[in-house]
Amino acid sequence: MGFEKGSLSFRMFFAQRDFVEADIDKFAAAAFPPLNTLAEEEIHGWVAGRHLLDRNINEETAYLGGYLRLTLTQAKKTVPTSLLSAECAVEEMAAMEAEDKQYLNQQARSEIKKSVKERLMPDMPPQLKGIDFVFDERSHMIYSTATSEKQLDAFVLSLMQTTGVMAQVADPENMAAKTAGVDVHDWPPASFSDELEDGMVDGTAGREFLMWLWYCSEKRGGLANIPDVGEIAYMVEGPLTFVMEGKGAHEITLKKGEPMLSAEAKTSLLSGKKLKKAKVQFVRGEEAWAFTFDADEFVFRSLKLPQTETFDRIGKFQERMVLLETFRAIFFHLFGEFVKERDSSKDWKDTKTAMRKWVADRPTSA
């Protein structure tokens, strides 16, 4: 589980309110059902963070190192496609031989498939999946491994139904509104290419932020002083994914060689494409946070935290959570600086002009 060890892929959420003691009883009441209740339909419920079947939820098991740490477990039985296809083929061949036919119509094949699936389903082992979450009461933030849209919906809905706590995803719209009182929908489109007017491009606040971060890392020194964190360096690296809605190639990903200096990267920028996904690093002294950032979804993938010095489970988890909170503080500060600049007509006009020059003058490797 990523919160305890290894790299971490996650989203951040604003908690509508803090979790209280009564919420633990609510999680326990909505605990994951016994596996013997699993039929064809999916079952789901909450478990403690030790493993995906840890149904014993109480004050002791719900917390790890002072942090609320639970998992939404989902279980479903499925028949593997290859097995279903093979079994259907056996049944179809037997039916054709018995009826002396060269082929079966669609209705007969559908009935055979349904029958085979019903026969095999009871013997299929359950497939378990878990959506982990940790709540940090100091920042009032929820960290969750709900990275896909389906997982996001399941997590937010289950949390609301269980406790009444609304988890509001920390995306550009919500972050700008909550931290700066800014509505990003009021921002007009911005082109970073001299070849296109502002009204000719699309783009989201997330893509503009990632473009701004890339520009600042290369042209403004890539340094920032973060309150309670200190000076950090930040940089944007490849692979790079560019995107622009409309005619032609909508999306292009550059991986090999030196994507930052490739002619393809410059061509993408000049054509109006914006950076959608890239690898980003935050560095403080000898500590480094490296991750892949999806600017559309505001999802952080494969975040590698700095090495911890403690080896016991609780101590290591606490250190990782402190490092994760440091990461959040850095990210929120940088996004806040972008919002202030983007929301100022004068400052943004100057920045946009500078970014257009940065794009036009980009060097390319031979």
Protein backbone atom coordinates (compact mmCIF):
# COMPACT_ATOMS: atom_id res chain seq x y z
CA MET A 1 0.00 0.00 0.00
CA GLY A 2 1.52 3.27 -1.19
CA PHE A 3 0.93 5.31 1.94
CA GLU A 4 3.12 2.90 3.91
CA LYS A 5 5.79 2.14 1.33
CA GLY A 6 6.87 2.59 -2.25
CA SER A 7 5.71 5.20 -4.73
CA LEU A 8 2.26 6.73 -4.42
CA SER A 9 -0.44 7.65 -6.94
CA PHE A 10 -3.20 9.78 -5.48
CA ARG A 11 -5.54 12.76 -5.51
CA MET A 12 -6.00 15.37 -2.82
CA PHE A 13 -9.38 16.40 -1.40
CA PHE A 14 -10.66 19.16 0.85
CA ALA A 15 -12.64 17.64 3.73
CA GLN A 16 -15.94 19.42 4.36
CA ARG A 17 -15.33 18.86 8.08
CA ASP A 18 -12.97 16.93 10.32
CA PHE A 19 -13.74 13.33 11.20
CA VAL A 20 -14.90 12.79 14.78
CA GLU A 21 -15.18 9.80 17.11
CA ALA A 22 -18.75 9.05 16.00
CA ASP A 23 -17.54 8.63 12.43
CA ILE A 24 -15.50 5.58 13.42
CA ASP A 25 -18.70 3.83 14.46
CA LYS A 26 -20.22 4.78 11.11
CA PHE A 27 -17.27 3.27 9.24
CA ALA A 28 -17.59 0.12 11.36
CA ALA A 29 -21.31 -0.12 10.59
CA ALA A 30 -20.48 0.11 6.87
CA ALA A 31 -17.62 -2.40 7.06
CA PHE A 32 -16.88 -4.65 4.12
CA PRO A 33 -19.34 -7.59 4.09
CA PRO A 34 -18.10 -11.18 4.53
CA LEU A 35 -16.86 -12.66 1.25
CA ASN A 36 -19.38 -15.50 1.46
CA THR A 37 -22.10 -12.94 0.73
CA LEU A 38 -20.57 -12.20 -2.68
CA ALA A 39 -22.68 -13.33 -5.61
CA GLU A 40 -22.57 -11.85 -9.11
CA GLU A 41 -23.03 -8.24 -8.03
CA GLU A 42 -20.13 -6.23 -6.59
CA ILE A 43 -19.94 -5.71 -2.84
CA HIS A 44 -18.01 -2.96 -1.13
CA GLY A 45 -17.34 -1.55 2.32
CA TRP A 46 -14.74 -0.07 4.63
CA VAL A 47 -11.79 -1.89 6.18
CA ALA A 48 -8.90 -0.88 8.41
CA GLY A 49 -5.63 -0.18 6.66
CA ARG A 50 -3.76 -3.38 7.50
CA HIS A 51 -5.17 -5.45 4.62
CA LEU A 52 -8.17 -5.55 2.27
CA LEU A 53 -10.21 -7.87 4.54
CA ASP A 54 -9.52 -6.12 7.85
CA ARG A 55 -13.19 -5.68 8.81
CA ASN A 56 -12.48 -4.91 12.47
CA ILE A 57 -12.77 -1.11 12.57
CA ASN A 58 -12.41 0.67 15.91
CA GLU A 59 -10.51 3.56 17.47
CA GLU A 60 -7.32 1.51 17.55
CA THR A 61 -7.40 0.01 14.06
CA ALA A 62 -8.80 3.05 12.22
CA TYR A 63 -5.78 5.19 13.06
CA LEU A 64 -2.13 4.74 12.20
CA GLY A 65 0.42 7.03 13.78
CA GLY A 66 -2.30 9.55 14.66
CA TYR A 67 -3.78 9.66 11.14
CA LEU A 68 -7.16 8.28 10.14
CA ARG A 69 -6.23 5.54 7.67
CA LEU A 70 -8.92 3.38 6.05
CA THR A 71 -9.63 1.59 2.78
CA LEU A 72 -12.74 1.16 0.67
CA THR A 73 -12.60 -2.47 -0.43
CA GLN A 74 -14.47 -3.59 -3.53
CA ALA A 75 -15.01 -7.25 -4.46
CA LYS A 76 -16.47 -8.80 -7.58
CA LYS A 77 -16.48 -12.18 -9.25
CA THR A 78 -15.63 -12.26 -12.93
CA VAL A 79 -15.04 -15.06 -15.40
CA PRO A 80 -11.75 -14.52 -17.26
CA THR A 81 -12.36 -13.74 -20.92
CA SER A 82 -10.12 -16.55 -22.19
CA LEU A 83 -11.86 -19.14 -19.99
CA LEU A 84 -15.32 -17.91 -20.97
CA SER A 85 -14.43 -18.01 -24.66
CA ALA A 86 -13.03 -21.54 -24.43
CA GLU A 87 -16.00 -22.91 -22.49
CA CYS A 88 -18.44 -21.25 -24.90
CA ALA A 89 -16.59 -22.76 -27.86
CA VAL A 90 -16.92 -26.25 -26.31
CA GLU A 91 -20.66 -25.76 -25.76
CA GLU A 92 -21.22 -24.31 -29.23
CA MET A 93 -19.41 -27.19 -30.94
CA ALA A 94 -21.45 -29.71 -28.93
CA ALA A 95 -24.69 -27.92 -29.85
CA MET A 96 -23.82 -27.82 -33.57
CA GLU A 97 -22.93 -31.52 -33.54
CA ALA A 98 -26.11 -32.46 -31.69
CA GLU A 99 -28.29 -30.42 -34.06
CA ASP A 100 -26.24 -31.24 -37.17
CA LYS A 101 -25.66 -27.56 -37.95
CA GLN A 102 -22.72 -25.75 -39.49
CA TYR A 103 -23.24 -22.63 -37.41
CA LEU A 104 -25.36 -21.17 -34.60
CA ASN A 105 -27.29 -17.93 -34.81
CA GLN A 106 -26.59 -14.98 -32.53
CA GLN A 107 -29.44 -15.76 -30.15
CA ALA A 108 -28.26 -19.34 -29.58
CA ARG A 109 -24.70 -18.21 -28.97
CA SER A 110 -25.89 -15.55 -26.51
CA GLU A 111 -27.92 -18.13 -24.57
CA ILE A 112 -24.92 -20.46 -24.42
CA LYS A 113 -22.70 -17.64 -23.17
CA LYS A 114 -25.20 -16.72 -20.47
CA SER A 115 -25.52 -20.34 -19.37
CA VAL A 116 -21.75 -20.89 -19.26
CA LYS A 117 -21.22 -17.70 -17.27
CA GLU A 118 -23.87 -18.71 -14.73
CA ARG A 119 -22.27 -22.16 -14.40
CA LEU A 120 -18.73 -20.88 -13.91
CA MET A 121 -19.45 -17.84 -11.74
CA PRO A 122 -19.91 -19.61 -8.36
CA ASP A 123 -16.45 -21.19 -8.63
CA MET A 124 -14.64 -17.97 -9.53
CA PRO A 125 -12.41 -16.44 -6.84
CA PRO A 126 -13.31 -12.89 -5.80
CA GLN A 127 -11.29 -10.06 -7.27
CA LEU A 128 -10.39 -7.53 -4.58
CA LYS A 129 -9.54 -3.87 -5.10
CA GLY A 130 -8.91 -1.18 -2.54
CA ILE A 131 -9.11 2.62 -2.49
CA ASP A 132 -6.94 3.84 0.37
CA PHE A 133 -7.31 7.16 2.12
CA VAL A 134 -5.57 9.12 4.86
CA PHE A 135 -6.96 12.18 6.62
CA ASP A 136 -4.57 14.83 7.96
CA GLU A 137 -6.47 16.85 10.56
CA ARG A 138 -3.81 19.58 10.65
CA SER A 139 -4.31 20.55 7.02
CA HIS A 140 -7.89 19.17 6.84
CA MET A 141 -6.87 17.33 3.69
CA ILE A 142 -7.75 13.87 2.48
CA TYR A 143 -5.24 11.92 0.40
CA SER A 144 -6.79 9.07 -1.59
CA THR A 145 -5.60 6.56 -4.18
CA ALA A 146 -8.83 7.16 -6.14
CA THR A 147 -7.07 8.13 -9.37
CA SER A 148 -9.59 7.03 -12.02
CA GLU A 149 -12.95 8.71 -12.53
CA LYS A 150 -14.74 5.51 -11.49
CA GLN A 151 -12.71 5.26 -8.29
CA LEU A 152 -13.23 8.96 -7.62
CA ASP A 153 -17.00 8.63 -7.85
CA ALA A 154 -17.06 5.48 -5.71
CA PHE A 155 -14.86 6.99 -2.99
CA VAL A 156 -16.64 10.34 -2.74
CA LEU A 157 -20.10 8.73 -2.76
CA SER A 158 -19.22 6.04 -0.21
CA LEU A 159 -17.60 8.55 2.13
CA MET A 160 -20.63 10.82 1.94
CA GLN A 161 -23.11 7.99 2.44
CA THR A 162 -21.16 6.60 5.40
CA THR A 163 -20.25 9.74 7.36
CA GLY A 164 -21.90 12.70 5.67
CA VAL A 165 -18.44 14.16 5.02
CA MET A 166 -18.08 15.64 1.54
CA ALA A 167 -14.67 15.17 -0.05
CA GLN A 168 -14.14 17.98 -2.56
CA VAL A 169 -11.41 17.16 -5.05
CA ALA A 170 -8.48 19.57 -5.04
CA ASP A 171 -8.61 20.54 -8.70
CA PRO A 172 -7.73 23.97 -10.17
CA GLU A 173 -11.26 25.29 -9.75
CA ASN A 174 -11.63 24.32 -6.09
CA MET A 175 -8.05 25.19 -5.13
CA ALA A 176 -8.30 28.68 -6.64
CA ALA A 177 -11.70 29.30 -5.07
CA LYS A 178 -10.78 28.04 -1.58
CA THR A 179 -7.28 29.49 -1.28
CA ALA A 180 -7.66 32.76 -3.20
CA GLY A 181 -11.38 33.32 -3.79
CA VAL A 182 -10.77 33.23 -7.54
CA ASP A 183 -13.08 31.76 -10.18
CA VAL A 184 -10.85 30.32 -12.90
CA HIS A 185 -13.80 30.25 -15.29
CA ASP A 186 -13.49 34.05 -15.47
CA TRP A 187 -10.06 33.76 -17.07
CA PRO A 188 -10.02 34.34 -20.84
CA PRO A 189 -8.14 31.85 -23.06
CA ALA A 190 -4.39 32.32 -23.31
CA SER A 191 -2.18 31.47 -26.27
CA PHE A 192 1.52 30.93 -25.68
CA SER A 193 2.31 30.99 -29.40
CA ASP A 194 2.85 34.10 -31.51
CA GLU A 195 1.19 32.21 -34.34
CA LEU A 196 -2.23 32.03 -32.68
CA GLU A 197 -4.45 34.61 -31.03
CA ASP A 198 -5.87 33.92 -27.59
CA GLY A 199 -9.32 33.14 -28.95
CA MET A 200 -7.91 30.46 -31.24
CA VAL A 201 -6.76 28.11 -28.47
CA ASP A 202 -8.44 26.10 -25.79
CA GLY A 203 -6.97 25.06 -22.50
CA THR A 204 -7.65 24.49 -18.86
CA ALA A 205 -6.31 26.20 -15.76
CA GLY A 206 -4.39 23.00 -15.04
CA ARG A 207 -2.58 23.03 -18.38
CA GLU A 208 -1.80 26.73 -18.04
CA PHE A 209 -0.37 26.10 -14.58
CA LEU A 210 1.89 23.32 -15.85
CA MET A 211 3.03 25.55 -18.74
CA TRP A 212 3.71 28.39 -16.28
CA LEU A 213 5.64 26.03 -13.99
CA TRP A 214 7.76 24.85 -16.92
CA TYR A 215 8.43 28.43 -17.99
CA CYS A 216 9.36 29.51 -14.44
CA SER A 217 11.67 26.53 -13.99
CA GLU A 218 13.61 27.50 -17.09
CA LYS A 219 13.45 31.31 -17.17
CA ARG A 220 12.98 32.36 -13.53
CA GLY A 221 15.52 30.11 -11.92
CA GLY A 222 13.14 27.40 -10.72
CA LEU A 223 13.43 28.41 -7.06
CA ALA A 224 10.78 29.25 -4.47
CA ASN A 225 10.68 30.02 -0.77
CA ILE A 226 7.87 28.02 0.80
CA PRO A 227 6.56 29.06 4.25
CA ASP A 228 7.48 26.49 6.92
CA VAL A 229 9.35 24.47 4.28
CA GLY A 230 12.24 26.63 3.11
CA GLU A 231 13.81 27.11 -0.29
CA ILE A 232 13.04 24.48 -2.88
CA ALA A 233 14.02 23.99 -6.50
CA TYR A 234 11.51 22.73 -9.03
CA MET A 235 11.88 21.44 -12.56
CA VAL A 236 9.75 19.98 -15.33
CA GLU A 237 11.11 16.99 -17.23
CA GLY A 238 10.07 14.50 -19.91
CA PRO A 239 8.19 12.47 -20.94
CA LEU A 240 5.95 15.31 -22.11
CA THR A 241 2.36 15.08 -23.31
CA PHE A 242 0.97 18.00 -25.31
CA VAL A 243 -2.67 18.43 -26.22
CA MET A 244 -4.99 20.77 -28.08
CA GLU A 245 -8.62 20.16 -28.90
CA GLY A 246 -9.65 20.64 -32.51
CA LYS A 247 -8.57 19.47 -35.94
CA GLY A 248 -5.41 17.51 -36.59
CA ALA A 249 -3.31 15.63 -34.03
CA HIS A 250 -4.96 16.35 -30.71
CA GLU A 251 -2.35 14.79 -28.45
CA ILE A 252 1.33 13.91 -28.73
CA THR A 253 3.66 12.31 -26.20
CA LEU A 254 7.44 12.75 -26.45
CA LYS A 255 9.53 10.20 -24.58
CA LYS A 256 12.81 9.29 -26.21
CA GLY A 257 16.00 11.31 -26.48
CA GLU A 258 15.73 14.84 -25.11
CA PRO A 259 12.01 15.68 -25.32
CA MET A 260 12.56 19.06 -23.66
CA LEU A 261 14.83 20.15 -26.52
CA SER A 262 13.17 18.27 -29.35
CA ALA A 263 11.92 19.97 -32.49
CA GLU A 264 8.61 18.17 -31.90
CA ALA A 265 8.17 19.94 -28.55
CA LYS A 266 8.74 23.36 -30.11
CA THR A 267 6.43 22.55 -33.01
CA SER A 268 3.74 21.44 -30.58
CA LEU A 269 4.02 24.68 -28.61
CA LEU A 270 4.00 26.88 -31.72
CA SER A 271 0.88 25.09 -32.98
CA GLY A 272 -0.97 26.02 -29.81
CA LYS A 273 -0.70 22.76 -27.89
CA LYS A 274 -0.22 22.99 -24.14
CA LEU A 275 1.49 20.69 -21.71
CA LYS A 276 -0.97 18.23 -20.21
CA LYS A 277 1.31 15.74 -18.48
CA ALA A 278 4.97 15.78 -17.45
CA LYS A 279 7.38 14.58 -14.84
CA VAL A 280 8.04 17.16 -12.11
CA GLN A 281 10.60 17.32 -9.32
CA PHE A 282 10.72 19.32 -6.10
CA VAL A 283 14.10 19.39 -4.39
CA ARG A 284 15.03 20.65 -0.91
CA GLY A 285 18.68 20.06 -0.09
CA GLU A 286 19.21 16.33 -0.49
CA GLU A 287 15.49 15.57 -0.42
CA ALA A 288 13.62 15.07 -3.69
CA TRP A 289 9.95 14.54 -4.57
CA ALA A 290 9.64 13.16 -8.12
CA PHE A 291 6.25 12.50 -9.71
CA THR A 292 4.25 12.53 -12.92
CA PHE A 293 1.61 15.25 -12.92
CA ASP A 294 -1.63 15.07 -14.89
CA ALA A 295 -2.71 18.70 -15.27
CA ASP A 296 -6.21 17.82 -16.49
CA GLU A 297 -7.12 15.48 -13.66
CA PHE A 298 -4.81 16.98 -11.00
CA VAL A 299 -3.64 13.45 -10.28
CA PHE A 300 -0.15 12.75 -8.96
CA ARG A 301 1.28 9.46 -10.18
CA SER A 302 4.27 7.46 -8.97
CA LEU A 303 5.32 10.06 -6.40
CA LYS A 304 8.64 9.03 -4.90
CA LEU A 305 9.07 10.48 -1.43
CA PRO A 306 12.47 11.18 0.12
CA GLN A 307 13.99 8.31 2.07
CA THR A 308 12.79 7.89 5.64
CA GLU A 309 15.11 7.15 8.55
CA THR A 310 12.72 5.08 10.65
CA PHE A 311 12.05 1.41 9.96
CA ASP A 312 9.20 0.48 12.29
CA ARG A 313 5.77 0.57 10.62
CA ILE A 314 4.26 3.43 12.61
CA GLY A 315 7.34 5.63 12.62
CA LYS A 316 7.94 5.13 8.91
CA PHE A 317 4.30 5.94 8.11
CA GLN A 318 4.46 9.13 10.20
CA GLU A 319 7.62 10.26 8.43
CA ARG A 320 6.06 9.58 5.03
CA MET A 321 2.98 11.57 5.98
CA VAL A 322 5.13 14.52 7.07
CA LEU A 323 6.93 14.33 3.73
CA LEU A 324 3.58 14.11 1.91
CA GLU A 325 2.33 17.17 3.76
CA THR A 326 5.54 18.99 2.79
CA PHE A 327 4.86 18.05 -0.81
CA ARG A 328 1.31 19.40 -0.52
CA ALA A 329 2.57 22.68 0.96
CA ILE A 330 5.03 23.11 -1.92
CA PHE A 331 2.44 22.33 -4.57
CA PHE A 332 -0.22 24.58 -3.04
CA HIS A 333 2.24 27.46 -2.74
CA LEU A 334 3.34 27.21 -6.38
CA PHE A 335 -0.24 26.95 -7.58
CA GLY A 336 -1.17 29.93 -5.40
CA GLU A 337 1.60 32.01 -6.97
CA PHE A 338 0.32 31.06 -10.42
CA VAL A 339 -3.26 32.02 -9.50
CA LYS A 340 -2.18 35.46 -8.23
CA GLU A 341 -0.25 36.12 -11.43
CA ARG A 342 -2.92 34.68 -13.73
CA ASP A 343 -5.70 36.67 -12.05
CA SER A 344 -3.87 39.99 -12.47
CA SER A 345 -4.57 41.43 -15.92
CA LYS A 346 -1.36 43.45 -16.03
CA ASP A 347 0.93 40.77 -14.60
CA TRP A 348 -0.55 38.08 -16.82
CA LYS A 349 -0.21 40.21 -19.94
CA ASP A 350 3.51 40.62 -19.23
CA THR A 351 3.89 36.93 -18.37
CA LYS A 352 2.09 35.79 -21.50
CA THR A 353 4.32 38.00 -23.65
CA ALA A 354 7.41 36.55 -21.98
CA MET A 355 6.13 32.99 -22.39
CA ARG A 356 5.47 33.56 -26.09
CA LYS A 357 9.06 34.73 -26.51
CA TRP A 358 10.24 31.71 -24.51
CA VAL A 359 8.37 29.41 -26.91
CA ALA A 360 9.55 31.23 -30.05
CA ASP A 361 13.20 31.24 -28.90
CA ARG A 362 13.28 27.62 -27.66
CA PRO A 363 16.48 25.89 -28.69
CA THR A 364 16.23 22.46 -30.28
CA SER A 365 18.83 19.73 -30.29
CA ALA A 366 20.29 18.68 -33.61
